[in-house]
Amino acid sequence: MGTGKGAKYGILFKSAATMEACGNIDTVVLDKTGTITAGNPETTDAVPAPGFSAEELLALAAAAESDSEHPIAAAVVRRAKAEGLKIPEHSGFESVTGNGVVCTADSRKVAVGSAGLMESQGADVSALAGRYEEFAAQAKTCVYVAVDGKAAGIIAVADPVKETRGPPCHR
């Protein structure tokens, strides 16, 4: 009966033992982007550090992210454009694999990415760590922003859950 029901949903078991072993599964790991989420991340928060405005933070981050193909980068650029911000011209774009991006915008060195990237730029983001944890607890992805080696703020991005995700995702 179990193999027939599985086949109805496109699931084929190699053996009865394999099907039986599935009964012991207590965790399933999925690629969430586009699988259980809409696959269209949105910038939800832009929190500037002292000395920076939210608009400046977002505009400089968008300048750095505008040459990136990453979905988070696209969300930052979309938000800056939606707010009607002037995104500065930039040069020297560099993608630091797995960590973020760096460029020069408005004659300032702008870095957007992980805490590790910020450290490599000499930016102390420890004052923003509490906000990072707060956003992470809300399932948001965060990037730090540094300007000329100084923490400029943190930007949070979220990907809404698909309406069609189904009952199993409710548990």
Foldseek 3Di string as FASTA:
>chain_A
DVQVVCVVVPHHDPDPVRVVVVVVDDDDDDPCQVQFFVNQKAWDDWFWDPPADSLRSLLALLQLLVVPPDNVNVRSVVVNVVVVHDRFHWDDWDADPPFFIWIAGPNKIKTKGDPVVLVVLQEDCVVCVVVCVVLVVVVWDKIWMDINSYTTTMITMDTHTDPPNDDVVVD
